[in-house]
PDB file of all heavy atoms in Angstrom:
ATOM      1  N   LEU A   1     -21.687-155.801  96.181  1.00  0.00           N
ATOM      2  CA  LEU A   1     -20.227-155.670  95.958  1.00  0.00           C
ATOM      3  C   LEU A   1     -19.824-155.920  94.518  1.00  0.00           C
ATOM      4  O   LEU A   1     -18.746-155.487  94.181  1.00  0.00           O
ATOM      5  CB  LEU A   1     -19.531-156.734  96.813  1.00  0.00           C
ATOM      6  CG  LEU A   1     -19.553-156.482  98.383  1.00  0.00           C
ATOM      7  CD1 LEU A   1     -19.052-157.733  99.169  1.00  0.00           C
ATOM      8  CD2 LEU A   1     -18.744-155.305  98.737  1.00  0.00           C
ATOM      9  N   PHE A   2     -20.696-156.615  93.804  1.00  0.00           N
ATOM     10  CA  PHE A   2     -20.330-157.034  92.433  1.00  0.00           C
ATOM     11  C   PHE A   2     -19.938-155.680  91.561  1.00  0.00           C
ATOM     12  O   PHE A   2     -18.993-155.711  90.949  1.00  0.00           O
ATOM     13  CB  PHE A   2     -21.513-157.744  91.818  1.00  0.00           C
ATOM     14  CG  PHE A   2     -21.124-158.343  90.430  1.00  0.00           C
ATOM     15  CD1 PHE A   2     -20.571-159.618  90.354  1.00  0.00           C
ATOM     16  CD2 PHE A   2     -21.413-157.592  89.320  1.00  0.00           C
ATOM     17  CE1 PHE A   2     -20.265-160.124  89.135  1.00  0.00           C
ATOM     18  CE2 PHE A   2     -21.157-158.120  88.032  1.00  0.00           C
ATOM     19  CZ  PHE A   2     -20.525-159.427  87.972  1.00  0.00           C
ATOM     20  N   GLU A   3     -20.888-154.641  91.598  1.00  0.00           N
ATOM     21  CA  GLU A   3     -20.693-153.482  90.786  1.00  0.00           C
ATOM     22  C   GLU A   3     -19.425-152.750  91.290  1.00  0.00           C
ATOM     23  O   GLU A   3     -18.695-152.196  90.413  1.00  0.00           O
ATOM     24  CB  GLU A   3     -21.918-152.650  90.858  1.00  0.00           C
ATOM     25  CG  GLU A   3     -23.087-153.216  90.062  1.00  0.00           C
ATOM     26  CD  GLU A   3     -22.766-153.378  88.650  1.00  0.00           C
ATOM     27  OE1 GLU A   3     -21.949-152.647  88.008  1.00  0.00           O
ATOM     28  OE2 GLU A   3     -23.238-154.382  88.049  1.00  0.00           O
ATOM     29  N   SER A   4     -19.188-152.691  92.524  1.00  0.00           N
ATOM     30  CA  SER A   4     -18.010-151.977  93.054  1.00  0.00           C
ATOM     31  C   SER A   4     -16.713-152.623  92.624  1.00  0.00           C
ATOM     32  O   SER A   4     -15.769-151.953  92.242  1.00  0.00           O
ATOM     33  CB  SER A   4     -18.066-151.924  94.603  1.00  0.00           C
ATOM     34  OG  SER A   4     -19.136-151.248  95.130  1.00  0.00           O
ATOM     35  N   ILE A   5     -16.713-153.959  92.595  1.00  0.00           N
ATOM     36  CA  ILE A   5     -15.572-154.752  92.120  1.00  0.00           C
ATOM     37  C   ILE A   5     -15.359-154.498  90.682  1.00  0.00           C
ATOM     38  O   ILE A   5     -14.204-154.255  90.165  1.00  0.00           O
ATOM     39  CB  ILE A   5     -15.682-156.220  92.485  1.00  0.00           C
ATOM     40  CG1 ILE A   5     -15.724-156.426  93.952  1.00  0.00           C
ATOM     41  CG2 ILE A   5     -14.564-156.969  91.816  1.00  0.00           C
ATOM     42  CD1 ILE A   5     -16.042-157.862  94.401  1.00  0.00           C
ATOM     43  N   ALA A   6     -16.473-154.586  89.928  1.00  0.00           N
ATOM     44  CA  ALA A   6     -16.335-154.382  88.456  1.00  0.00           C
ATOM     45  C   ALA A   6     -15.749-153.025  88.113  1.00  0.00           C
ATOM     46  O   ALA A   6     -14.886-152.840  87.304  1.00  0.00           O
ATOM     47  CB  ALA A   6     -17.752-154.555  87.816  1.00  0.00           C
ATOM     48  N   GLU A   7     -16.235-151.925  88.824  1.00  0.00           N
ATOM     49  CA  GLU A   7     -15.693-150.626  88.622  1.00  0.00           C
ATOM     50  C   GLU A   7     -14.208-150.509  89.011  1.00  0.00           C
ATOM     51  O   GLU A   7     -13.425-149.868  88.330  1.00  0.00           O
ATOM     52  CB  GLU A   7     -16.537-149.668  89.424  1.00  0.00           C
ATOM     53  CG  GLU A   7     -16.119-148.169  89.331  1.00  0.00           C
ATOM     54  CD  GLU A   7     -16.141-147.646  87.906  1.00  0.00           C
ATOM     55  OE1 GLU A   7     -17.000-148.143  87.031  1.00  0.00           O
ATOM     56  OE2 GLU A   7     -15.347-146.785  87.518  1.00  0.00           O
ATOM     57  N   ALA A   8     -13.873-151.143  90.096  1.00  0.00           N
ATOM     58  CA  ALA A   8     -12.475-151.206  90.603  1.00  0.00           C
ATOM     59  C   ALA A   8     -11.531-151.843  89.560  1.00  0.00           C
ATOM     60  O   ALA A   8     -10.439-151.344  89.284  1.00  0.00           O
ATOM     61  CB  ALA A   8     -12.327-151.869  91.916  1.00  0.00           C
ATOM     62  N   ILE A   9     -11.993-152.901  88.918  1.00  0.00           N
ATOM     63  CA  ILE A   9     -11.211-153.617  88.008  1.00  0.00           C
ATOM     64  C   ILE A   9     -11.083-152.782  86.686  1.00  0.00           C
ATOM     65  O   ILE A   9     -10.022-152.714  86.084  1.00  0.00           O
ATOM     66  CB  ILE A   9     -11.839-155.002  87.620  1.00  0.00           C
ATOM     67  CG1 ILE A   9     -11.676-155.901  88.812  1.00  0.00           C
ATOM     68  CG2 ILE A   9     -11.094-155.540  86.406  1.00  0.00           C
ATOM     69  CD1 ILE A   9     -12.320-157.260  88.626  1.00  0.00           C
ATOM     70  N   ARG A  10     -12.127-152.105  86.226  1.00  0.00           N
ATOM     71  CA  ARG A  10     -12.064-151.180  85.133  1.00  0.00           C
ATOM     72  C   ARG A  10     -11.048-150.116  85.310  1.00  0.00           C
ATOM     73  O   ARG A  10     -10.223-149.743  84.410  1.00  0.00           O
ATOM     74  CB  ARG A  10     -13.467-150.654  84.789  1.00  0.00           C
ATOM     75  CG  ARG A  10     -14.378-151.641  84.102  1.00  0.00           C
ATOM     76  CD  ARG A  10     -15.587-150.914  83.522  1.00  0.00           C
ATOM     77  NE  ARG A  10     -16.479-150.390  84.577  1.00  0.00           N
ATOM     78  CZ  ARG A  10     -17.491-151.073  85.192  1.00  0.00           C
ATOM     79  NH1 ARG A  10     -17.725-152.304  84.833  1.00  0.00           N
ATOM     80  NH2 ARG A  10     -18.167-150.491  86.092  1.00  0.00           N
ATOM     81  N   THR A  11     -11.128-149.524  86.537  1.00  0.00           N
ATOM     82  CA  THR A  11     -10.140-148.410  86.890  1.00  0.00           C
ATOM     83  C   THR A  11      -8.731-148.972  86.890  1.00  0.00           C
ATOM     84  O   THR A  11      -7.835-148.311  86.383  1.00  0.00           O
ATOM     85  CB  THR A  11     -10.520-147.793  88.223  1.00  0.00           C
ATOM     86  OG1 THR A  11     -11.847-147.301  88.282  1.00  0.00           O
ATOM     87  CG2 THR A  11      -9.524-146.644  88.632  1.00  0.00           C
ATOM     88  N   PHE A  12      -8.538-150.105  87.448  1.00  0.00           N
ATOM     89  CA  PHE A  12      -7.223-150.716  87.540  1.00  0.00           C
ATOM     90  C   PHE A  12      -6.679-151.018  86.112  1.00  0.00           C
ATOM     91  O   PHE A  12      -5.506-150.636  85.830  1.00  0.00           O
ATOM     92  CB  PHE A  12      -7.302-152.012  88.347  1.00  0.00           C
ATOM     93  CG  PHE A  12      -5.926-152.728  88.434  1.00  0.00           C
ATOM     94  CD1 PHE A  12      -5.138-152.528  89.401  1.00  0.00           C
ATOM     95  CD2 PHE A  12      -5.599-153.743  87.429  1.00  0.00           C
ATOM     96  CE1 PHE A  12      -3.885-153.159  89.584  1.00  0.00           C
ATOM     97  CE2 PHE A  12      -4.358-154.384  87.515  1.00  0.00           C
ATOM     98  CZ  PHE A  12      -3.515-154.110  88.586  1.00  0.00           C
ATOM     99  N   ASN A  13      -7.499-151.551  85.275  1.00  0.00           N
ATOM    100  CA  ASN A  13      -7.061-151.872  83.908  1.00  0.00           C
ATOM    101  C   ASN A  13      -6.653-150.554  83.132  1.00  0.00           C
ATOM    102  O   ASN A  13      -5.731-150.594  82.322  1.00  0.00           O
ATOM    103  CB  ASN A  13      -8.108-152.576  83.134  1.00  0.00           C
ATOM    104  CG  ASN A  13      -8.346-154.001  83.637  1.00  0.00           C
ATOM    105  OD1 ASN A  13      -7.419-154.543  84.247  1.00  0.00           O
ATOM    106  ND2 ASN A  13      -9.380-154.651  83.219  1.00  0.00           N
ATOM    107  N   ALA A  14      -7.347-149.435  83.469  1.00  0.00           N
ATOM    108  CA  ALA A  14      -7.035-148.155  82.782  1.00  0.00           C
ATOM    109  C   ALA A  14      -5.739-147.574  83.296  1.00  0.00           C
ATOM    110  O   ALA A  14      -4.965-146.966  82.546  1.00  0.00           O
ATOM    111  CB  ALA A  14      -8.163-147.165  82.952  1.00  0.00           C
ATOM    112  N   ASP A  15      -5.548-147.703  84.608  1.00  0.00           N
ATOM    113  CA  ASP A  15      -4.331-147.073  85.244  1.00  0.00           C
ATOM    114  C   ASP A  15      -3.065-147.979  85.010  1.00  0.00           C
ATOM    115  O   ASP A  15      -2.013-147.385  84.934  1.00  0.00           O
ATOM    116  CB  ASP A  15      -4.533-147.011  86.781  1.00  0.00           C
ATOM    117  CG  ASP A  15      -5.584-145.942  87.144  1.00  0.00           C
ATOM    118  OD1 ASP A  15      -5.867-145.136  86.268  1.00  0.00           O
ATOM    119  OD2 ASP A  15      -6.068-145.917  88.192  1.00  0.00           O
ATOM    120  N   TYR A  16      -3.263-149.308  84.878  1.00  0.00           N
ATOM    121  CA  TYR A  16      -2.107-150.208  84.714  1.00  0.00           C
ATOM    122  C   TYR A  16      -2.345-151.145  83.501  1.00  0.00           C
ATOM    123  O   TYR A  16      -2.577-152.351  83.693  1.00  0.00           O
ATOM    124  CB  TYR A  16      -1.885-151.097  85.998  1.00  0.00           C
ATOM    125  CG  TYR A  16      -1.653-150.206  87.218  1.00  0.00           C
ATOM    126  CD1 TYR A  16      -2.750-149.928  88.100  1.00  0.00           C
ATOM    127  CD2 TYR A  16      -0.442-149.684  87.530  1.00  0.00           C
ATOM    128  CE1 TYR A  16      -2.487-149.141  89.228  1.00  0.00           C
ATOM    129  CE2 TYR A  16      -0.170-148.860  88.608  1.00  0.00           C
ATOM    130  CZ  TYR A  16      -1.228-148.592  89.503  1.00  0.00           C
ATOM    131  OH  TYR A  16      -0.993-147.830  90.616  1.00  0.00           O
ATOM    132  N   PRO A  17      -2.328-150.601  82.334  1.00  0.00           N
ATOM    133  CA  PRO A  17      -2.643-151.431  81.137  1.00  0.00           C
ATOM    134  C   PRO A  17      -1.731-152.576  80.922  1.00  0.00           C
ATOM    135  O   PRO A  17      -2.075-153.700  80.450  1.00  0.00           O
ATOM    136  CB  PRO A  17      -2.492-150.362  80.010  1.00  0.00           C
ATOM    137  CG  PRO A  17      -1.644-149.309  80.512  1.00  0.00           C
ATOM    138  CD  PRO A  17      -2.023-149.243  81.914  1.00  0.00           C
ATOM    139  N   GLU A  18      -0.448-152.460  81.374  1.00  0.00           N
ATOM    140  CA  GLU A  18       0.502-153.629  81.277  1.00  0.00           C
ATOM    141  C   GLU A  18       0.078-154.780  82.157  1.00  0.00           C
ATOM    142  O   GLU A  18       0.622-155.862  81.986  1.00  0.00           O
ATOM    143  CB  GLU A  18       1.927-153.126  81.552  1.00  0.00           C
ATOM    144  CG  GLU A  18       2.179-152.618  82.880  1.00  0.00           C
ATOM    145  CD  GLU A  18       1.937-151.139  83.130  1.00  0.00           C
ATOM    146  OE1 GLU A  18       1.013-150.608  82.518  1.00  0.00           O
ATOM    147  OE2 GLU A  18       2.662-150.611  83.948  1.00  0.00           O
ATOM    148  N   TYR A  19      -0.710-154.429  83.263  1.00  0.00           N
ATOM    149  CA  TYR A  19      -1.067-155.523  84.170  1.00  0.00           C
ATOM    150  C   TYR A  19      -2.619-155.737  84.047  1.00  0.00           C
ATOM    151  O   TYR A  19      -3.190-156.322  84.966  1.00  0.00           O
ATOM    152  CB  TYR A  19      -0.734-155.128  85.621  1.00  0.00           C
ATOM    153  CG  TYR A  19       0.670-154.989  85.796  1.00  0.00           C
ATOM    154  CD1 TYR A  19       1.405-153.764  85.878  1.00  0.00           C
ATOM    155  CD2 TYR A  19       1.516-156.167  86.008  1.00  0.00           C
ATOM    156  CE1 TYR A  19       2.704-153.639  86.097  1.00  0.00           C
ATOM    157  CE2 TYR A  19       2.863-156.025  86.221  1.00  0.00           C
ATOM    158  CZ  TYR A  19       3.468-154.790  86.263  1.00  0.00           C
ATOM    159  OH  TYR A  19       4.816-154.658  86.501  1.00  0.00           O
ATOM    160  N   ALA A  20      -3.201-155.230  82.946  1.00  0.00           N
ATOM    161  CA  ALA A  20      -4.685-155.286  82.803  1.00  0.00           C
ATOM    162  C   ALA A  20      -5.141-156.793  82.986  1.00  0.00           C
ATOM    163  O   ALA A  20      -4.572-157.734  82.437  1.00  0.00           O
ATOM    164  CB  ALA A  20      -5.134-154.760  81.462  1.00  0.00           C
ATOM    165  N   CYS A  21      -6.278-156.886  83.645  1.00  0.00           N
ATOM    166  CA  CYS A  21      -6.833-158.276  83.885  1.00  0.00           C
ATOM    167  C   CYS A  21      -7.849-158.594  82.784  1.00  0.00           C
ATOM    168  O   CYS A  21      -8.801-157.876  82.517  1.00  0.00           O
ATOM    169  CB  CYS A  21      -7.640-158.283  85.252  1.00  0.00           C
ATOM    170  SG  CYS A  21      -8.441-159.853  85.598  1.00  0.00           S
ATOM    171  N   GLY A  22      -7.582-159.690  82.047  1.00  0.00           N
ATOM    172  CA  GLY A  22      -8.474-160.038  80.943  1.00  0.00           C
ATOM    173  C   GLY A  22      -9.564-161.063  81.355  1.00  0.00           C
ATOM    174  O   GLY A  22     -10.334-161.491  80.473  1.00  0.00           O
ATOM    175  N   ILE A  23      -9.706-161.273  82.567  1.00  0.00           N
ATOM    176  CA  ILE A  23     -10.730-162.195  83.111  1.00  0.00           C
ATOM    177  C   ILE A  23     -12.075-161.369  83.406  1.00  0.00           C
ATOM    178  O   ILE A  23     -12.052-160.451  84.092  1.00  0.00           O
ATOM    179  CB  ILE A  23     -10.328-162.959  84.346  1.00  0.00           C
ATOM    180  CG1 ILE A  23      -9.015-163.642  84.142  1.00  0.00           C
ATOM    181  CG2 ILE A  23     -11.432-163.898  84.842  1.00  0.00           C
ATOM    182  CD1 ILE A  23      -8.436-164.233  85.439  1.00  0.00           C
ATOM    183  N   LEU A  24     -13.131-161.815  82.672  1.00  0.00           N
ATOM    184  CA  LEU A  24     -14.371-161.083  82.898  1.00  0.00           C
ATOM    185  C   LEU A  24     -15.005-161.377  84.270  1.00  0.00           C
ATOM    186  O   LEU A  24     -15.021-162.552  84.677  1.00  0.00           O
ATOM    187  CB  LEU A  24     -15.357-161.525  81.782  1.00  0.00           C
ATOM    188  CG  LEU A  24     -16.754-160.834  81.800  1.00  0.00           C
ATOM    189  CD1 LEU A  24     -16.570-159.350  81.510  1.00  0.00           C
ATOM    190  CD2 LEU A  24     -17.709-161.444  80.729  1.00  0.00           C
ATOM    191  N   LEU A  25     -15.421-160.471  84.966  1.00  0.00           N
ATOM    192  CA  LEU A  25     -15.976-160.661  86.287  1.00  0.00           C
ATOM    193  C   LEU A  25     -17.353-161.300  86.185  1.00  0.00           C
ATOM    194  O   LEU A  25     -18.302-160.656  85.670  1.00  0.00           O
ATOM    195  CB  LEU A  25     -16.119-159.368  87.092  1.00  0.00           C
ATOM    196  CG  LEU A  25     -16.749-159.358  88.461  1.00  0.00           C
ATOM    197  CD1 LEU A  25     -16.004-160.367  89.327  1.00  0.00           C
ATOM    198  CD2 LEU A  25     -16.866-157.967  89.005  1.00  0.00           C
ATOM    199  N   THR A  26     -17.440-162.475  86.692  1.00  0.00           N
ATOM    200  CA  THR A  26     -18.725-163.217  86.819  1.00  0.00           C
ATOM    201  C   THR A  26     -18.704-163.955  88.126  1.00  0.00           C
ATOM    202  O   THR A  26     -17.613-164.107  88.717  1.00  0.00           O
ATOM    203  CB  THR A  26     -18.981-164.285  85.659  1.00  0.00           C
ATOM    204  OG1 THR A  26     -17.926-165.241  85.752  1.00  0.00           O
ATOM    205  CG2 THR A  26     -18.854-163.482  84.300  1.00  0.00           C
ATOM    206  N   GLU A  27     -19.828-164.463  88.561  1.00  0.00           N
ATOM    207  CA  GLU A  27     -19.814-165.233  89.819  1.00  0.00           C
ATOM    208  C   GLU A  27     -18.927-166.424  89.729  1.00  0.00           C
ATOM    209  O   GLU A  27     -18.262-166.770  90.671  1.00  0.00           O
ATOM    210  CB  GLU A  27     -21.246-165.668  90.103  1.00  0.00           C
ATOM    211  CG  GLU A  27     -22.181-164.554  90.535  1.00  0.00           C
ATOM    212  CD  GLU A  27     -23.587-165.043  90.948  1.00  0.00           C
ATOM    213  OE1 GLU A  27     -23.719-166.293  91.169  1.00  0.00           O
ATOM    214  OE2 GLU A  27     -24.437-164.155  91.212  1.00  0.00           O
ATOM    215  N   GLU A  28     -18.927-167.077  88.527  1.00  0.00           N
ATOM    216  CA  GLU A  28     -18.141-168.296  88.351  1.00  0.00           C
ATOM    217  C   GLU A  28     -16.595-167.996  88.260  1.00  0.00           C
ATOM    218  O   GLU A  28     -15.746-168.815  88.642  1.00  0.00           O
ATOM    219  CB  GLU A  28     -18.486-168.990  87.063  1.00  0.00           C
ATOM    220  CG  GLU A  28     -19.948-169.598  87.033  1.00  0.00           C
ATOM    221  CD  GLU A  28     -21.004-168.494  86.930  1.00  0.00           C
ATOM    222  OE1 GLU A  28     -20.643-167.419  86.426  1.00  0.00           O
ATOM    223  OE2 GLU A  28     -22.177-168.774  87.179  1.00  0.00           O
TER     224      GLU A  28
END
């Protein structure tokens, strides 16, 4: 699931730059 989530966040940040998430995806 980790890679799928990472890809979804990258797509989200590209589509909605004003709401881009600056938190790096890690287990922690």
